[in-house]
Amino acid sequence: MIIYDDHAKCFGCGWRGDIFAFWQEVKGVDFKRAAEDLAGLAGVRSLLVGEADWLRSAARAPRPAVARVRKSPELPALDRLTEAEMEALADMRGLRVEGVRRAAAAGLLWGAVHQGHRAWVLADRARRNAQYRRMDGRRWYGEVKAWTAAGSWAAWPVGCVSLGSAERVAVVEGGPDALAMCDLMDAWGWKARDGAVVALFGASVQIAAWCLVRFQGRRVRIFAHNDVEKNGVRAGSAGAERWRRQLATVARSVDVVMAPDGLTAGVGAEAERVCDVNDVLLYDKTNKGINVTDGWRW
């Protein structure tokens, strides 16, 4: 992000605006409330409160071009998954249906018809970032597992708008891990106030600077992908470290965990390397007495 004299520009998510637009977006308030709040922080509230006419006229005045907030992507109609669809999704991902229900109740999981196919969608009520996966488990056009909606803000952490009073926040990479983490929290007996899940789509993205305030004072744990090293870099680890540095500026605490090296889930020729949260849950289910997730509570 670059901060100029009269506005700021974030090159991670594309947002551009002045301090009033920033406050309106982060706090969800109108211009008048933003002006009052910022005046209070600056110690000049008494001057502004007495100028109600000025505030009203300022609120009605056209906003300058730099204060325009980037539009959300245009998504097809989203709907609630049926109980049968949630059961099918849980079975396909190797999860408990209770965990899938928790994701839906948290406003993270939706259904839609995309490219002529029924899909499960990871998005939140802000609708700024959304990713589709086919309900039949197949790839889009035989090649792509996940389809990110055109115009999505890659830097928007899906779920950050609905953290509420959650003390802990799990930051995961991708839709399957978001479902798996919801399943794990439900298995732990956590309520919404105990923990919430936030997802980013891809280890290369950077969290938008103006979203960081939503993690203020919370205990954050990043669940990184244990990716295979390529060109001397593990993408999952590098992304997690980037997010850790960002979140450390606002969170009460931040740490990173990932699946141990050398684990495989499945049997025989179908055994696959354990990489992410969903993989670890499958591993724990097939290796009785060895539960990696036992050490993941925080």
C-alpha atoms as a PDB file:
ATOM      1  CA  MET A   1       0.000   0.000   0.000  1.00  0.00           C
ATOM      2  CA  ILE A   2       1.137   3.538  -0.791  1.00  0.00           C
ATOM      3  CA  ILE A   3      -0.190   6.413   1.320  1.00  0.00           C
ATOM      4  CA  TYR A   4      -0.357   9.815  -0.341  1.00  0.00           C
ATOM      5  CA  ASP A   5      -1.271  13.173   1.197  1.00  0.00           C
ATOM      6  CA  ASP A   6      -4.986  12.849   0.426  1.00  0.00           C
ATOM      7  CA  HIS A   7      -5.587   9.144  -0.256  1.00  0.00           C
ATOM      8  CA  ALA A   8      -4.083   5.664  -0.248  1.00  0.00           C
ATOM      9  CA  LYS A   9      -3.766   2.935  -2.871  1.00  0.00           C
ATOM     10  CA  CYS A  10      -3.521  -0.803  -2.097  1.00  0.00           C
ATOM     11  CA  PHE A  11      -1.855  -2.779  -4.854  1.00  0.00           C
ATOM     12  CA  GLY A  12      -2.842  -6.067  -3.214  1.00  0.00           C
ATOM     13  CA  CYS A  13      -6.628  -5.717  -3.567  1.00  0.00           C
ATOM     14  CA  GLY A  14      -6.999  -2.623  -5.763  1.00  0.00           C
ATOM     15  CA  TRP A  15      -8.731  -0.469  -3.117  1.00  0.00           C
ATOM     16  CA  ARG A  16      -8.270   3.293  -3.402  1.00  0.00           C
ATOM     17  CA  GLY A  17      -9.746   6.029  -1.228  1.00  0.00           C
ATOM     18  CA  ASP A  18      -9.238   8.675   1.440  1.00  0.00           C
ATOM     19  CA  ILE A  19      -9.351   8.253   5.222  1.00  0.00           C
ATOM     20  CA  PHE A  20     -13.125   8.726   5.316  1.00  0.00           C
ATOM     21  CA  ALA A  21     -13.736   6.053   2.660  1.00  0.00           C
ATOM     22  CA  PHE A  22     -11.381   3.716   4.524  1.00  0.00           C
ATOM     23  CA  TRP A  23     -13.246   4.187   7.824  1.00  0.00           C
ATOM     24  CA  GLN A  24     -16.633   3.740   6.128  1.00  0.00           C
ATOM     25  CA  GLU A  25     -15.499   0.484   4.519  1.00  0.00           C
ATOM     26  CA  VAL A  26     -13.847  -1.031   7.595  1.00  0.00           C
ATOM     27  CA  LYS A  27     -16.509  -0.003  10.117  1.00  0.00           C
ATOM     28  CA  GLY A  28     -19.555  -0.239   7.848  1.00  0.00           C
ATOM     29  CA  VAL A  29     -20.765   3.290   8.668  1.00  0.00           C
ATOM     30  CA  ASP A  30     -21.887   6.303   6.618  1.00  0.00           C
ATOM     31  CA  PHE A  31     -19.799   9.387   5.941  1.00  0.00           C
ATOM     32  CA  LYS A  32     -21.233  11.411   8.830  1.00  0.00           C
ATOM     33  CA  ARG A  33     -20.444   8.696  11.378  1.00  0.00           C
ATOM     34  CA  ALA A  34     -16.976   8.278   9.877  1.00  0.00           C
ATOM     35  CA  ALA A  35     -16.317  11.999  10.243  1.00  0.00           C
ATOM     36  CA  GLU A  36     -17.509  11.975  13.860  1.00  0.00           C
ATOM     37  CA  ASP A  37     -15.424   8.910  14.737  1.00  0.00           C
ATOM     38  CA  LEU A  38     -12.259  10.285  13.169  1.00  0.00           C
ATOM     39  CA  ALA A  39     -12.812  13.674  14.769  1.00  0.00           C
ATOM     40  CA  GLY A  40     -13.036  11.955  18.144  1.00  0.00           C
ATOM     41  CA  LEU A  41      -9.775  10.122  17.535  1.00  0.00           C
ATOM     42  CA  ALA A  42      -8.162  13.425  16.604  1.00  0.00           C
ATOM     43  CA  GLY A  43      -9.460  15.089  19.772  1.00  0.00           C
ATOM     44  CA  VAL A  44     -11.713  17.602  18.007  1.00  0.00           C
ATOM     45  CA  ARG A  45     -15.086  15.930  18.528  1.00  0.00           C
ATOM     46  CA  SER A  46     -16.533  18.948  20.343  1.00  0.00           C
ATOM     47  CA  LEU A  47     -15.941  21.096  17.287  1.00  0.00           C
ATOM     48  CA  LEU A  48     -17.639  18.706  14.904  1.00  0.00           C
ATOM     49  CA  VAL A  49     -20.629  17.813  17.073  1.00  0.00           C
ATOM     50  CA  GLY A  50     -21.613  21.450  17.155  1.00  0.00           C
ATOM     51  CA  GLU A  51     -21.467  21.647  13.367  1.00  0.00           C
ATOM     52  CA  ALA A  52     -24.387  19.374  12.509  1.00  0.00           C
ATOM     53  CA  ASP A  53     -25.355  21.455   9.496  1.00  0.00           C
ATOM     54  CA  TRP A  54     -21.847  21.155   8.084  1.00  0.00           C
ATOM     55  CA  LEU A  55     -21.834  17.391   8.643  1.00  0.00           C
ATOM     56  CA  ARG A  56     -25.190  16.978   6.929  1.00  0.00           C
ATOM     57  CA  SER A  57     -24.111  19.009   3.931  1.00  0.00           C
ATOM     58  CA  ALA A  58     -20.794  17.165   3.751  1.00  0.00           C
ATOM     59  CA  ALA A  59     -22.573  13.841   3.819  1.00  0.00           C
ATOM     60  CA  ARG A  60     -24.760  14.944   0.882  1.00  0.00           C
ATOM     61  CA  ALA A  61     -21.846  16.322  -1.119  1.00  0.00           C
ATOM     62  CA  PRO A  62     -20.544  14.203  -4.022  1.00  0.00           C
ATOM     63  CA  ARG A  63     -17.619  12.088  -2.958  1.00  0.00           C
ATOM     64  CA  PRO A  64     -14.353  12.745  -4.791  1.00  0.00           C
ATOM     65  CA  ALA A  65     -13.209  10.154  -7.313  1.00  0.00           C
ATOM     66  CA  VAL A  66     -10.451   8.875  -5.051  1.00  0.00           C
ATOM     67  CA  ALA A  67     -13.016   7.823  -2.431  1.00  0.00           C
ATOM     68  CA  ARG A  68     -14.783   5.317  -4.672  1.00  0.00           C
ATOM     69  CA  VAL A  69     -14.583   1.796  -3.306  1.00  0.00           C
ATOM     70  CA  ARG A  70     -13.885  -1.088  -5.658  1.00  0.00           C
ATOM     71  CA  LYS A  71     -17.017  -2.983  -6.661  1.00  0.00           C
ATOM     72  CA  SER A  72     -17.575  -6.574  -5.642  1.00  0.00           C
ATOM     73  CA  PRO A  73     -17.589  -9.236  -8.348  1.00  0.00           C
ATOM     74  CA  GLU A  74     -20.900 -10.022 -10.020  1.00  0.00           C
ATOM     75  CA  LEU A  75     -21.880 -13.459  -8.784  1.00  0.00           C
ATOM     76  CA  PRO A  76     -24.749 -15.665  -9.929  1.00  0.00           C
ATOM     77  CA  ALA A  77     -27.534 -16.200  -7.430  1.00  0.00           C
ATOM     78  CA  LEU A  78     -26.260 -18.076  -4.393  1.00  0.00           C
ATOM     79  CA  ASP A  79     -28.492 -20.383  -2.407  1.00  0.00           C
ATOM     80  CA  ARG A  80     -28.350 -22.696   0.560  1.00  0.00           C
ATOM     81  CA  LEU A  81     -27.211 -26.253  -0.015  1.00  0.00           C
ATOM     82  CA  THR A  82     -29.867 -28.841   0.693  1.00  0.00           C
ATOM     83  CA  GLU A  83     -29.333 -31.357   3.472  1.00  0.00           C
ATOM     84  CA  ALA A  84     -28.725 -34.043   0.853  1.00  0.00           C
ATOM     85  CA  GLU A  85     -26.093 -31.867  -0.834  1.00  0.00           C
ATOM     86  CA  MET A  86     -24.336 -31.199   2.464  1.00  0.00           C
ATOM     87  CA  GLU A  87     -24.264 -34.915   3.187  1.00  0.00           C
ATOM     88  CA  ALA A  88     -22.864 -35.620  -0.286  1.00  0.00           C
ATOM     89  CA  LEU A  89     -20.221 -32.904   0.100  1.00  0.00           C
ATOM     90  CA  ALA A  90     -19.176 -34.237   3.510  1.00  0.00           C
ATOM     91  CA  ASP A  91     -18.853 -37.730   2.071  1.00  0.00           C
ATOM     92  CA  MET A  92     -16.820 -36.497  -0.910  1.00  0.00           C
ATOM     93  CA  ARG A  93     -14.384 -34.555   1.317  1.00  0.00           C
ATOM     94  CA  GLY A  94     -14.168 -37.249   4.011  1.00  0.00           C
ATOM     95  CA  LEU A  95     -15.722 -34.954   6.634  1.00  0.00           C
ATOM     96  CA  ARG A  96     -18.571 -35.152   9.101  1.00  0.00           C
ATOM     97  CA  VAL A  97     -21.789 -33.544   7.906  1.00  0.00           C
ATOM     98  CA  GLU A  98     -21.825 -31.550  11.161  1.00  0.00           C
ATOM     99  CA  GLY A  99     -18.715 -29.719  10.023  1.00  0.00           C
ATOM    100  CA  VAL A 100     -20.275 -28.876   6.661  1.00  0.00           C
ATOM    101  CA  ARG A 101     -23.387 -27.617   8.426  1.00  0.00           C
ATOM    102  CA  ARG A 102     -21.193 -25.401  10.620  1.00  0.00           C
ATOM    103  CA  ALA A 103     -19.596 -23.836   7.519  1.00  0.00           C
ATOM    104  CA  ALA A 104     -23.052 -23.118   6.095  1.00  0.00           C
ATOM    105  CA  ALA A 105     -24.291 -21.681   9.395  1.00  0.00           C
ATOM    106  CA  ALA A 106     -21.230 -19.406   9.520  1.00  0.00           C
ATOM    107  CA  GLY A 107     -22.172 -17.971   6.121  1.00  0.00           C
ATOM    108  CA  LEU A 108     -19.122 -19.446   4.367  1.00  0.00           C
ATOM    109  CA  LEU A 109     -20.743 -22.225   2.324  1.00  0.00           C
ATOM    110  CA  TRP A 110     -23.244 -21.680  -0.482  1.00  0.00           C
ATOM    111  CA  GLY A 111     -24.616 -23.374  -3.559  1.00  0.00           C
ATOM    112  CA  ALA A 112     -24.924 -22.132  -7.132  1.00  0.00           C
ATOM    113  CA  VAL A 113     -25.173 -23.211 -10.740  1.00  0.00           C
ATOM    114  CA  HIS A 114     -21.937 -22.274 -12.512  1.00  0.00           C
ATOM    115  CA  GLN A 115     -21.000 -23.093 -16.099  1.00  0.00           C
ATOM    116  CA  GLY A 116     -24.062 -25.343 -16.232  1.00  0.00           C
ATOM    117  CA  HIS A 117     -23.031 -27.415 -13.220  1.00  0.00           C
ATOM    118  CA  ARG A 118     -24.159 -27.457  -9.609  1.00  0.00           C
ATOM    119  CA  ALA A 119     -21.332 -26.147  -7.433  1.00  0.00           C
ATOM    120  CA  TRP A 120     -20.488 -25.527  -3.819  1.00  0.00           C
ATOM    121  CA  VAL A 121     -19.216 -22.006  -3.263  1.00  0.00           C
ATOM    122  CA  LEU A 122     -16.981 -20.558  -0.591  1.00  0.00           C
ATOM    123  CA  ALA A 123     -17.879 -16.894  -0.050  1.00  0.00           C
ATOM    124  CA  ASP A 124     -19.095 -14.613   2.722  1.00  0.00           C
ATOM    125  CA  ARG A 125     -21.838 -12.013   2.911  1.00  0.00           C
ATOM    126  CA  ALA A 126     -19.511  -9.299   1.610  1.00  0.00           C
ATOM    127  CA  ARG A 127     -19.377 -11.198  -1.732  1.00  0.00           C
ATOM    128  CA  ARG A 128     -15.924  -9.804  -2.547  1.00  0.00           C
ATOM    129  CA  ASN A 129     -14.188 -13.102  -3.127  1.00  0.00           C
ATOM    130  CA  ALA A 130     -15.747 -16.395  -4.159  1.00  0.00           C
ATOM    131  CA  GLN A 131     -14.570 -19.764  -5.399  1.00  0.00           C
ATOM    132  CA  TYR A 132     -16.584 -22.558  -7.014  1.00  0.00           C
ATOM    133  CA  ARG A 133     -16.004 -26.317  -6.960  1.00  0.00           C
ATOM    134  CA  ARG A 134     -18.217 -28.840  -8.673  1.00  0.00           C
ATOM    135  CA  MET A 135     -20.570 -30.863  -6.506  1.00  0.00           C
ATOM    136  CA  ASP A 136     -19.816 -33.975  -8.555  1.00  0.00           C
ATOM    137  CA  GLY A 137     -16.114 -33.673  -7.664  1.00  0.00           C
ATOM    138  CA  ARG A 138     -15.013 -33.247 -11.258  1.00  0.00           C
ATOM    139  CA  ARG A 139     -12.761 -30.509 -12.596  1.00  0.00           C
ATOM    140  CA  TRP A 140     -13.967 -27.528 -14.599  1.00  0.00           C
ATOM    141  CA  TYR A 141     -13.352 -28.350 -18.254  1.00  0.00           C
ATOM    142  CA  GLY A 142     -11.397 -31.371 -17.048  1.00  0.00           C
ATOM    143  CA  GLU A 143      -8.501 -29.222 -15.851  1.00  0.00           C
ATOM    144  CA  VAL A 144      -9.331 -26.765 -13.068  1.00  0.00           C
ATOM    145  CA  LYS A 145     -10.320 -27.958  -9.578  1.00  0.00           C
ATOM    146  CA  ALA A 146     -11.435 -24.550  -8.278  1.00  0.00           C
ATOM    147  CA  TRP A 147     -12.879 -21.647 -10.246  1.00  0.00           C
ATOM    148  CA  THR A 148     -12.475 -18.211  -8.687  1.00  0.00           C
ATOM    149  CA  ALA A 149     -15.246 -15.789  -9.654  1.00  0.00           C
ATOM    150  CA  ALA A 150     -14.231 -13.124 -12.162  1.00  0.00           C
ATOM    151  CA  GLY A 151     -13.518  -9.817 -10.444  1.00  0.00           C
ATOM    152  CA  SER A 152     -12.861 -11.411  -7.048  1.00  0.00           C
ATOM    153  CA  TRP A 153     -10.582  -9.545  -4.664  1.00  0.00           C
ATOM    154  CA  ALA A 154      -7.817 -12.066  -4.105  1.00  0.00           C
ATOM    155  CA  ALA A 155      -6.639 -10.127  -1.051  1.00  0.00           C
ATOM    156  CA  TRP A 156     -10.023 -10.386   0.693  1.00  0.00           C
ATOM    157  CA  PRO A 157      -9.967 -13.087   3.431  1.00  0.00           C
ATOM    158  CA  VAL A 158     -13.276 -14.910   3.011  1.00  0.00           C
ATOM    159  CA  GLY A 159     -15.041 -14.972   6.361  1.00  0.00           C
ATOM    160  CA  CYS A 160     -13.329 -11.937   7.889  1.00  0.00           C
ATOM    161  CA  VAL A 161     -16.548  -9.946   7.734  1.00  0.00           C
ATOM    162  CA  SER A 162     -18.309 -12.391  10.064  1.00  0.00           C
ATOM    163  CA  LEU A 163     -15.803 -12.976  12.848  1.00  0.00           C
ATOM    164  CA  GLY A 164     -18.109 -11.490  15.451  1.00  0.00           C
ATOM    165  CA  SER A 165     -16.773 -12.030  18.960  1.00  0.00           C
ATOM    166  CA  ALA A 166     -14.672 -15.081  18.079  1.00  0.00           C
ATOM    167  CA  GLU A 167     -11.588 -15.230  20.283  1.00  0.00           C
ATOM    168  CA  ARG A 168      -9.621 -17.459  17.889  1.00  0.00           C
ATOM    169  CA  VAL A 169      -9.341 -17.320  14.110  1.00  0.00           C
ATOM    170  CA  ALA A 170      -8.041 -20.111  11.890  1.00  0.00           C
ATOM    171  CA  VAL A 171      -6.582 -18.838   8.619  1.00  0.00           C
ATOM    172  CA  VAL A 172      -6.562 -21.538   5.944  1.00  0.00           C
ATOM    173  CA  GLU A 173      -5.784 -21.815   2.249  1.00  0.00           C
ATOM    174  CA  GLY A 174      -8.684 -22.842   0.007  1.00  0.00           C
ATOM    175  CA  GLY A 175     -12.267 -24.052   0.302  1.00  0.00           C
ATOM    176  CA  PRO A 176     -11.631 -27.693   1.296  1.00  0.00           C
ATOM    177  CA  ASP A 177      -9.481 -26.601   4.244  1.00  0.00           C
ATOM    178  CA  ALA A 178     -12.166 -24.117   5.311  1.00  0.00           C
ATOM    179  CA  LEU A 179     -14.697 -26.964   5.476  1.00  0.00           C
ATOM    180  CA  ALA A 180     -12.199 -29.235   7.234  1.00  0.00           C
ATOM    181  CA  MET A 181     -11.398 -26.563   9.819  1.00  0.00           C
ATOM    182  CA  CYS A 182     -15.106 -26.019  10.496  1.00  0.00           C
ATOM    183  CA  ASP A 183     -15.408 -29.778  10.995  1.00  0.00           C
ATOM    184  CA  LEU A 184     -12.470 -29.804  13.388  1.00  0.00           C
ATOM    185  CA  MET A 185     -13.792 -26.902  15.470  1.00  0.00           C
ATOM    186  CA  ASP A 186     -17.181 -28.592  15.685  1.00  0.00           C
ATOM    187  CA  ALA A 187     -15.518 -31.844  16.802  1.00  0.00           C
ATOM    188  CA  TRP A 188     -13.694 -29.876  19.504  1.00  0.00           C
ATOM    189  CA  GLY A 189     -17.052 -28.602  20.741  1.00  0.00           C
ATOM    190  CA  TRP A 190     -16.203 -24.988  19.968  1.00  0.00           C
ATOM    191  CA  LYS A 191     -19.015 -22.461  19.652  1.00  0.00           C
ATOM    192  CA  ALA A 192     -18.954 -19.497  17.273  1.00  0.00           C
ATOM    193  CA  ARG A 193     -17.487 -17.313  20.028  1.00  0.00           C
ATOM    194  CA  ASP A 194     -14.644 -19.797  20.543  1.00  0.00           C
ATOM    195  CA  GLY A 195     -13.334 -19.882  16.992  1.00  0.00           C
ATOM    196  CA  ALA A 196     -13.997 -18.819  13.413  1.00  0.00           C
ATOM    197  CA  VAL A 197     -12.502 -19.690  10.039  1.00  0.00           C
ATOM    198  CA  VAL A 198     -11.083 -17.382   7.366  1.00  0.00           C
ATOM    199  CA  ALA A 199      -9.883 -18.575   3.946  1.00  0.00           C
ATOM    200  CA  LEU A 200      -7.563 -17.188   1.297  1.00  0.00           C
ATOM    201  CA  PHE A 201      -7.376 -18.604  -2.214  1.00  0.00           C
ATOM    202  CA  GLY A 202      -3.719 -19.193  -2.980  1.00  0.00           C
ATOM    203  CA  ALA A 203      -0.483 -18.870  -1.047  1.00  0.00           C
ATOM    204  CA  SER A 204       0.768 -16.072  -3.303  1.00  0.00           C
ATOM    205  CA  VAL A 205      -1.826 -13.507  -2.202  1.00  0.00           C
ATOM    206  CA  GLN A 206      -1.322 -10.835   0.412  1.00  0.00           C
ATOM    207  CA  ILE A 207      -4.048  -9.825   2.873  1.00  0.00           C
ATOM    208  CA  ALA A 208      -5.464  -6.381   2.088  1.00  0.00           C
ATOM    209  CA  ALA A 209      -4.069  -3.915   4.607  1.00  0.00           C
ATOM    210  CA  TRP A 210      -7.472  -2.458   5.424  1.00  0.00           C
ATOM    211  CA  CYS A 211      -8.805  -5.948   6.344  1.00  0.00           C
ATOM    212  CA  LEU A 212      -6.238  -6.460   9.078  1.00  0.00           C
ATOM    213  CA  VAL A 213      -8.238  -4.478  11.639  1.00  0.00           C
ATOM    214  CA  ARG A 214     -10.806  -7.291  11.668  1.00  0.00           C
ATOM    215  CA  PHE A 215      -8.205  -9.517  13.363  1.00  0.00           C
ATOM    216  CA  GLN A 216      -7.474  -6.946  16.075  1.00  0.00           C
ATOM    217  CA  GLY A 217      -6.830  -8.558  19.472  1.00  0.00           C
ATOM    218  CA  ARG A 218      -7.651 -12.100  18.344  1.00  0.00           C
ATOM    219  CA  ARG A 219      -5.573 -15.265  18.667  1.00  0.00           C
ATOM    220  CA  VAL A 220      -4.752 -16.319  15.115  1.00  0.00           C
ATOM    221  CA  ARG A 221      -3.392 -19.639  13.924  1.00  0.00           C
ATOM    222  CA  ILE A 222      -2.387 -20.093  10.277  1.00  0.00           C
ATOM    223  CA  PHE A 223      -2.733 -23.614   8.884  1.00  0.00           C
ATOM    224  CA  ALA A 224      -0.194 -23.723   6.061  1.00  0.00           C
ATOM    225  CA  HIS A 225      -0.021 -26.207   3.218  1.00  0.00           C
ATOM    226  CA  ASN A 226       3.001 -28.492   3.482  1.00  0.00           C
ATOM    227  CA  ASP A 227       3.768 -28.165  -0.220  1.00  0.00           C
ATOM    228  CA  VAL A 228       6.538 -29.923  -2.099  1.00  0.00           C
ATOM    229  CA  GLU A 229       9.544 -27.658  -2.523  1.00  0.00           C
ATOM    230  CA  LYS A 230       9.881 -26.114  -5.981  1.00  0.00           C
ATOM    231  CA  ASN A 231      12.877 -24.031  -7.027  1.00  0.00           C
ATOM    232  CA  GLY A 232      13.980 -23.891  -3.408  1.00  0.00           C
ATOM    233  CA  VAL A 233      10.641 -22.536  -2.164  1.00  0.00           C
ATOM    234  CA  ARG A 234       7.677 -24.107  -0.403  1.00  0.00           C
ATOM    235  CA  ALA A 235       4.747 -21.972  -1.516  1.00  0.00           C
ATOM    236  CA  GLY A 236       2.537 -22.832   1.456  1.00  0.00           C
ATOM    237  CA  SER A 237       5.221 -21.973   4.004  1.00  0.00           C
ATOM    238  CA  ALA A 238       6.149 -18.756   2.210  1.00  0.00           C
ATOM    239  CA  GLY A 239       2.534 -17.623   2.054  1.00  0.00           C
ATOM    240  CA  ALA A 240       1.921 -18.460   5.705  1.00  0.00           C
ATOM    241  CA  GLU A 241       4.982 -16.477   6.772  1.00  0.00           C
ATOM    242  CA  ARG A 242       3.802 -13.491   4.738  1.00  0.00           C
ATOM    243  CA  TRP A 243       0.383 -13.607   6.407  1.00  0.00           C
ATOM    244  CA  ARG A 244       1.973 -14.097   9.830  1.00  0.00           C
ATOM    245  CA  ARG A 245       4.011 -10.904   9.467  1.00  0.00           C
ATOM    246  CA  GLN A 246       0.934  -8.967   8.403  1.00  0.00           C
ATOM    247  CA  LEU A 247      -1.339 -10.298  11.140  1.00  0.00           C
ATOM    248  CA  ALA A 248       1.300  -9.878  13.859  1.00  0.00           C
ATOM    249  CA  THR A 249       0.770  -6.111  13.591  1.00  0.00           C
ATOM    250  CA  VAL A 250      -2.789  -6.363  14.939  1.00  0.00           C
ATOM    251  CA  ALA A 251      -3.515  -9.789  16.422  1.00  0.00           C
ATOM    252  CA  ARG A 252      -3.073 -10.739  20.059  1.00  0.00           C
ATOM    253  CA  SER A 253      -0.969 -13.700  18.929  1.00  0.00           C
ATOM    254  CA  VAL A 254      -0.140 -15.421  15.633  1.00  0.00           C
ATOM    255  CA  ASP A 255       1.519 -18.727  14.881  1.00  0.00           C
ATOM    256  CA  VAL A 256       1.778 -21.207  12.016  1.00  0.00           C
ATOM    257  CA  VAL A 257       1.224 -24.969  11.967  1.00  0.00           C
ATOM    258  CA  MET A 258       1.215 -27.523   9.167  1.00  0.00           C
ATOM    259  CA  ALA A 259       1.065 -31.253   8.556  1.00  0.00           C
ATOM    260  CA  PRO A 260       4.275 -33.084   9.508  1.00  0.00           C
ATOM    261  CA  ASP A 261       6.526 -34.320   6.720  1.00  0.00           C
ATOM    262  CA  GLY A 262       6.357 -37.927   5.600  1.00  0.00           C
ATOM    263  CA  LEU A 263       2.654 -38.653   6.198  1.00  0.00           C
ATOM    264  CA  THR A 264       0.377 -40.338   3.658  1.00  0.00           C
ATOM    265  CA  ALA A 265      -3.388 -40.864   3.724  1.00  0.00           C
ATOM    266  CA  GLY A 266      -5.095 -43.758   1.992  1.00  0.00           C
ATOM    267  CA  VAL A 267      -4.109 -47.328   1.266  1.00  0.00           C
ATOM    268  CA  GLY A 268      -1.738 -48.836  -1.259  1.00  0.00           C
ATOM    269  CA  ALA A 269      -1.569 -47.224  -4.686  1.00  0.00           C
ATOM    270  CA  GLU A 270      -4.241 -44.689  -3.651  1.00  0.00           C
ATOM    271  CA  ALA A 271      -2.177 -43.352  -0.754  1.00  0.00           C
ATOM    272  CA  GLU A 272      -1.390 -39.641  -1.168  1.00  0.00           C
ATOM    273  CA  ARG A 273       0.989 -37.265   0.563  1.00  0.00           C
ATOM    274  CA  VAL A 274      -0.609 -35.375   3.457  1.00  0.00           C
ATOM    275  CA  CYS A 275      -0.416 -31.671   2.690  1.00  0.00           C
ATOM    276  CA  ASP A 276      -3.299 -29.690   4.195  1.00  0.00           C
ATOM    277  CA  VAL A 277      -5.976 -29.659   6.892  1.00  0.00           C
ATOM    278  CA  ASN A 278      -8.387 -31.821   4.912  1.00  0.00           C
ATOM    279  CA  ASP A 279      -5.594 -34.367   4.316  1.00  0.00           C
ATOM    280  CA  VAL A 280      -4.734 -34.442   8.019  1.00  0.00           C
ATOM    281  CA  LEU A 281      -8.335 -35.173   8.988  1.00  0.00           C
ATOM    282  CA  LEU A 282      -8.350 -38.080   6.522  1.00  0.00           C
ATOM    283  CA  TYR A 283      -5.048 -39.295   7.979  1.00  0.00           C
ATOM    284  CA  ASP A 284      -6.396 -39.167  11.529  1.00  0.00           C
ATOM    285  CA  LYS A 285      -9.472 -41.157  10.459  1.00  0.00           C
ATOM    286  CA  THR A 286      -7.399 -43.942   8.875  1.00  0.00           C
ATOM    287  CA  ASN A 287      -4.643 -44.101  11.502  1.00  0.00           C
ATOM    288  CA  LYS A 288      -6.343 -44.842  14.780  1.00  0.00           C
ATOM    289  CA  GLY A 289      -4.409 -43.725  17.818  1.00  0.00           C
ATOM    290  CA  ILE A 290      -2.300 -41.212  15.864  1.00  0.00           C
ATOM    291  CA  ASN A 291      -4.136 -37.905  15.829  1.00  0.00           C
ATOM    292  CA  VAL A 292      -2.115 -35.019  14.419  1.00  0.00           C
ATOM    293  CA  THR A 293      -4.960 -32.617  15.178  1.00  0.00           C
ATOM    294  CA  ASP A 294      -4.708 -33.268  18.921  1.00  0.00           C
ATOM    295  CA  GLY A 295      -1.877 -30.714  19.015  1.00  0.00           C
ATOM    296  CA  TRP A 296      -3.673 -28.130  16.902  1.00  0.00           C
ATOM    297  CA  ARG A 297      -5.934 -26.635  19.573  1.00  0.00           C
ATOM    298  CA  TRP A 298      -4.917 -23.194  20.748  1.00  0.00           C
END
